[in-house]
């Protein structure tokens, strides 16, 4: 009944898992939350404050940093969010 002596699961208990269930949702190569936040800040600078060149600059730099972080470590932003949620008294 067991196919591999090292494998303790009976035959038929292996199920394929869709890759979309195991990886974060990306938008333009970055996590969706980060992309929406950086795009909102860029639009606020460009449209609301009428500093369009600063909005474009912010978007370009934030997008480059987000892409680098997402490609280096897929869970970077999840870990960063948890780190920022820790209270300050845990600093040591």
N, C-alpha and C. Protein backbone atom coordinates (compact mmCIF):
# COMPACT_ATOMS: atom_id res chain seq x y z
N UNK A 1 0.81 -1.18 0.00
CA UNK A 1 0.00 0.00 0.00
C UNK A 1 0.87 1.26 0.00
N UNK A 2 2.01 1.23 0.67
CA UNK A 2 2.91 2.39 0.67
C UNK A 2 3.87 2.27 -0.51
N UNK A 3 4.03 3.39 -1.25
CA UNK A 3 4.86 3.33 -2.45
C UNK A 3 6.35 3.49 -2.11
N UNK A 4 6.67 4.30 -1.14
CA UNK A 4 8.06 4.57 -0.77
C UNK A 4 8.22 4.22 0.71
N UNK A 5 9.25 3.46 1.08
CA UNK A 5 9.40 3.09 2.49
C UNK A 5 9.60 4.30 3.41
N UNK A 6 10.17 5.38 2.90
CA UNK A 6 10.36 6.58 3.71
C UNK A 6 9.07 7.40 3.83
N UNK A 7 8.17 7.26 2.88
CA UNK A 7 6.93 8.01 2.87
C UNK A 7 5.90 7.28 3.72
N UNK A 8 5.34 7.96 4.71
CA UNK A 8 4.39 7.33 5.63
C UNK A 8 2.94 7.50 5.20
N UNK A 9 2.70 8.18 4.08
CA UNK A 9 1.33 8.40 3.63
C UNK A 9 0.90 7.28 2.69
N UNK A 10 -0.33 6.83 2.82
CA UNK A 10 -0.84 5.82 1.89
C UNK A 10 -0.99 6.41 0.49
N UNK A 11 -1.06 5.53 -0.51
CA UNK A 11 -1.24 5.99 -1.89
C UNK A 11 -2.56 6.74 -2.02
N UNK A 12 -2.55 7.79 -2.81
CA UNK A 12 -3.76 8.55 -3.05
C UNK A 12 -3.93 9.75 -2.13
N UNK A 13 -3.01 9.99 -1.19
CA UNK A 13 -3.14 11.10 -0.26
C UNK A 13 -2.28 12.30 -0.67
N UNK A 14 -1.67 12.25 -1.83
CA UNK A 14 -0.92 13.39 -2.34
C UNK A 14 -1.82 14.20 -3.25
N UNK A 15 -1.99 15.47 -2.92
CA UNK A 15 -2.81 16.35 -3.74
C UNK A 15 -1.97 17.51 -4.22
N UNK A 16 -2.11 17.86 -5.48
CA UNK A 16 -1.38 19.04 -5.97
C UNK A 16 -1.99 20.32 -5.37
N UNK A 17 -1.15 21.25 -5.01
CA UNK A 17 -1.59 22.52 -4.46
C UNK A 17 -1.32 23.60 -5.51
N UNK A 18 -2.31 24.39 -5.77
CA UNK A 18 -2.15 25.47 -6.75
C UNK A 18 -1.14 26.48 -6.23
N UNK A 19 -0.27 26.94 -7.09
CA UNK A 19 0.77 27.88 -6.68
C UNK A 19 0.18 29.19 -6.18
N UNK A 20 -0.98 29.57 -6.68
CA UNK A 20 -1.63 30.82 -6.26
C UNK A 20 -2.05 30.77 -4.79
N UNK A 21 -2.25 29.59 -4.24
CA UNK A 21 -2.63 29.48 -2.83
C UNK A 21 -1.45 29.61 -1.89
N UNK A 22 -0.24 29.40 -2.40
CA UNK A 22 0.94 29.41 -1.55
C UNK A 22 1.78 30.67 -1.67
N UNK A 23 1.52 31.51 -2.68
CA UNK A 23 2.33 32.70 -2.89
C UNK A 23 1.48 33.96 -2.74
N UNK A 24 2.12 35.08 -2.40
CA UNK A 24 1.35 36.32 -2.22
C UNK A 24 0.80 36.85 -3.54
N UNK A 25 -0.28 37.62 -3.45
CA UNK A 25 -0.89 38.23 -4.62
C UNK A 25 -0.04 39.41 -5.05
N UNK A 26 0.40 39.42 -6.31
CA UNK A 26 1.27 40.47 -6.79
C UNK A 26 0.55 41.37 -7.78
N UNK A 27 0.90 42.64 -7.74
CA UNK A 27 0.41 43.62 -8.71
C UNK A 27 1.62 44.37 -9.22
N UNK A 28 1.88 44.28 -10.50
CA UNK A 28 3.06 44.89 -11.12
C UNK A 28 4.35 44.37 -10.50
N UNK A 29 4.38 43.12 -10.07
CA UNK A 29 5.57 42.51 -9.52
C UNK A 29 5.78 42.71 -8.04
N UNK A 30 4.91 43.48 -7.38
CA UNK A 30 5.03 43.73 -5.94
C UNK A 30 3.76 43.24 -5.26
N UNK A 31 3.80 43.07 -3.94
CA UNK A 31 2.57 42.74 -3.23
C UNK A 31 1.52 43.84 -3.45
N UNK A 32 0.28 43.41 -3.57
CA UNK A 32 -0.81 44.32 -3.93
C UNK A 32 -0.97 45.47 -2.94
N UNK A 33 -0.88 45.21 -1.65
CA UNK A 33 -1.04 46.27 -0.64
C UNK A 33 0.02 47.35 -0.80
N UNK A 34 1.25 46.94 -1.00
CA UNK A 34 2.34 47.90 -1.16
C UNK A 34 2.17 48.71 -2.44
N UNK A 35 1.78 48.06 -3.53
CA UNK A 35 1.60 48.76 -4.80
C UNK A 35 0.48 49.79 -4.71
N UNK A 36 -0.61 49.45 -4.06
CA UNK A 36 -1.71 50.39 -3.90
C UNK A 36 -1.30 51.56 -3.02
N UNK A 37 -0.59 51.29 -1.93
CA UNK A 37 -0.16 52.37 -1.03
C UNK A 37 0.82 53.31 -1.73
N UNK A 38 1.80 52.78 -2.42
CA UNK A 38 2.78 53.63 -3.10
C UNK A 38 2.13 54.40 -4.26
N UNK A 39 1.20 53.78 -4.97
CA UNK A 39 0.49 54.48 -6.04
C UNK A 39 -0.40 55.59 -5.51
N UNK A 40 -1.03 55.36 -4.36
CA UNK A 40 -1.87 56.39 -3.74
C UNK A 40 -1.04 57.58 -3.30
N UNK A 41 0.11 57.32 -2.70
CA UNK A 41 0.98 58.42 -2.28
C UNK A 41 1.49 59.19 -3.50
N UNK A 42 1.85 58.48 -4.56
CA UNK A 42 2.32 59.16 -5.78
C UNK A 42 1.21 60.01 -6.39
N UNK A 43 -0.02 59.49 -6.42
CA UNK A 43 -1.14 60.28 -6.95
C UNK A 43 -1.44 61.48 -6.07
N UNK A 44 -1.33 61.32 -4.77
CA UNK A 44 -1.57 62.44 -3.86
C UNK A 44 -0.53 63.54 -4.11
N UNK A 45 0.71 63.17 -4.27
CA UNK A 45 1.75 64.17 -4.55
C UNK A 45 1.54 64.81 -5.92
N UNK A 46 1.19 64.00 -6.91
CA UNK A 46 1.08 64.50 -8.27
C UNK A 46 -0.18 65.29 -8.54
N UNK A 47 -1.31 64.82 -8.03
CA UNK A 47 -2.57 65.46 -8.35
C UNK A 47 -3.05 66.43 -7.27
N UNK A 48 -3.07 65.99 -6.03
CA UNK A 48 -3.62 66.83 -4.97
C UNK A 48 -2.68 67.99 -4.63
N UNK A 49 -1.41 67.73 -4.53
CA UNK A 49 -0.46 68.79 -4.19
C UNK A 49 0.11 69.48 -5.43
N UNK A 50 -0.20 68.95 -6.61
CA UNK A 50 0.24 69.51 -7.89
C UNK A 50 1.76 69.58 -8.02
N UNK A 51 2.43 68.59 -7.44
CA UNK A 51 3.87 68.46 -7.60
C UNK A 51 4.08 67.19 -8.43
N UNK A 52 3.75 67.25 -9.71
CA UNK A 52 3.71 66.06 -10.54
C UNK A 52 5.07 65.39 -10.67
N UNK A 53 6.16 66.18 -10.73
CA UNK A 53 7.48 65.57 -10.89
C UNK A 53 7.89 64.80 -9.64
N UNK A 54 7.46 65.29 -8.46
CA UNK A 54 7.77 64.56 -7.23
C UNK A 54 6.94 63.28 -7.14
N UNK A 55 5.71 63.32 -7.63
CA UNK A 55 4.88 62.11 -7.66
C UNK A 55 5.47 61.05 -8.56
N UNK A 56 5.94 61.46 -9.74
CA UNK A 56 6.58 60.50 -10.65
C UNK A 56 7.87 59.95 -10.07
N UNK A 57 8.65 60.82 -9.44
CA UNK A 57 9.90 60.38 -8.83
C UNK A 57 9.62 59.40 -7.69
N UNK A 58 8.66 59.74 -6.83
CA UNK A 58 8.29 58.85 -5.72
C UNK A 58 7.84 57.50 -6.25
N UNK A 59 6.98 57.50 -7.28
CA UNK A 59 6.48 56.25 -7.82
C UNK A 59 7.61 55.41 -8.39
N UNK A 60 8.51 56.02 -9.14
CA UNK A 60 9.61 55.27 -9.76
C UNK A 60 10.52 54.65 -8.71
N UNK A 61 10.88 55.43 -7.70
CA UNK A 61 11.77 54.91 -6.65
C UNK A 61 11.07 53.85 -5.81
N UNK A 62 9.82 54.12 -5.40
CA UNK A 62 9.08 53.15 -4.59
C UNK A 62 8.83 51.86 -5.36
N UNK A 63 8.57 51.97 -6.65
CA UNK A 63 8.34 50.78 -7.45
C UNK A 63 9.62 49.96 -7.59
N UNK A 64 10.75 50.63 -7.80
CA UNK A 64 12.03 49.92 -7.91
C UNK A 64 12.38 49.22 -6.60
N UNK A 65 12.19 49.90 -5.47
CA UNK A 65 12.48 49.30 -4.16
C UNK A 65 11.54 48.12 -3.91
N UNK A 66 10.27 48.28 -4.23
CA UNK A 66 9.30 47.19 -4.04
C UNK A 66 9.60 45.98 -4.89
N UNK A 67 9.98 46.21 -6.15
CA UNK A 67 10.35 45.09 -7.01
C UNK A 67 11.58 44.36 -6.50
N UNK A 68 12.58 45.12 -6.08
CA UNK A 68 13.80 44.49 -5.56
C UNK A 68 13.50 43.66 -4.31
N UNK A 69 12.72 44.23 -3.40
CA UNK A 69 12.40 43.51 -2.16
C UNK A 69 11.56 42.28 -2.44
N UNK A 70 10.60 42.38 -3.35
CA UNK A 70 9.73 41.24 -3.66
C UNK A 70 10.50 40.13 -4.38
N UNK A 71 11.45 40.49 -5.21
CA UNK A 71 12.23 39.46 -5.91
C UNK A 71 13.26 38.82 -5.01
N UNK A 72 13.79 39.59 -4.06
CA UNK A 72 14.79 39.05 -3.14
C UNK A 72 14.16 38.08 -2.15
N UNK A 73 13.04 38.49 -1.56
CA UNK A 73 12.36 37.66 -0.57
C UNK A 73 10.86 37.84 -0.75
N UNK A 74 10.15 36.77 -1.09
CA UNK A 74 8.72 36.88 -1.39
C UNK A 74 7.91 37.26 -0.16
N UNK A 75 8.39 36.99 1.01
CA UNK A 75 7.65 37.30 2.25
C UNK A 75 8.19 38.53 2.96
N UNK A 76 8.97 39.36 2.28
CA UNK A 76 9.58 40.53 2.89
C UNK A 76 8.53 41.46 3.49
N UNK A 77 7.48 41.76 2.74
CA UNK A 77 6.49 42.72 3.21
C UNK A 77 5.61 42.15 4.32
N UNK A 78 5.37 40.84 4.33
CA UNK A 78 4.65 40.23 5.44
C UNK A 78 5.45 40.34 6.74
N UNK A 79 6.74 40.06 6.65
CA UNK A 79 7.61 40.17 7.82
C UNK A 79 7.73 41.62 8.28
N UNK A 80 7.84 42.54 7.35
CA UNK A 80 7.92 43.96 7.69
C UNK A 80 6.65 44.42 8.39
N UNK A 81 5.49 44.01 7.89
CA UNK A 81 4.22 44.39 8.52
C UNK A 81 4.14 43.84 9.94
N UNK A 82 4.56 42.60 10.15
CA UNK A 82 4.54 42.04 11.51
C UNK A 82 5.54 42.73 12.42
N UNK A 83 6.70 43.10 11.88
CA UNK A 83 7.71 43.80 12.66
C UNK A 83 7.21 45.16 13.11
N UNK A 84 6.55 45.88 12.23
CA UNK A 84 6.05 47.21 12.57
C UNK A 84 4.88 47.15 13.55
N UNK A 85 4.20 46.01 13.62
CA UNK A 85 3.07 45.86 14.53
C UNK A 85 3.51 45.57 15.97
N UNK A 86 4.79 45.20 16.17
CA UNK A 86 5.26 44.91 17.52
C UNK A 86 5.29 46.17 18.35
N UNK A 87 4.92 46.10 19.62
CA UNK A 87 4.99 47.28 20.47
C UNK A 87 6.45 47.69 20.74
N UNK A 88 6.63 48.96 21.04
CA UNK A 88 7.97 49.50 21.25
C UNK A 88 8.67 48.99 22.48
N UNK A 89 7.94 48.49 23.47
CA UNK A 89 8.59 48.03 24.70
C UNK A 89 9.35 46.72 24.50
N UNK A 90 9.25 46.13 23.32
CA UNK A 90 9.95 44.86 23.07
C UNK A 90 11.34 45.11 22.47
N UNK A 91 11.80 46.37 22.46
CA UNK A 91 13.10 46.68 21.87
C UNK A 91 14.25 46.10 22.68
N UNK A 92 14.06 45.91 23.95
CA UNK A 92 15.12 45.27 24.70
C UNK A 92 15.53 45.96 25.88
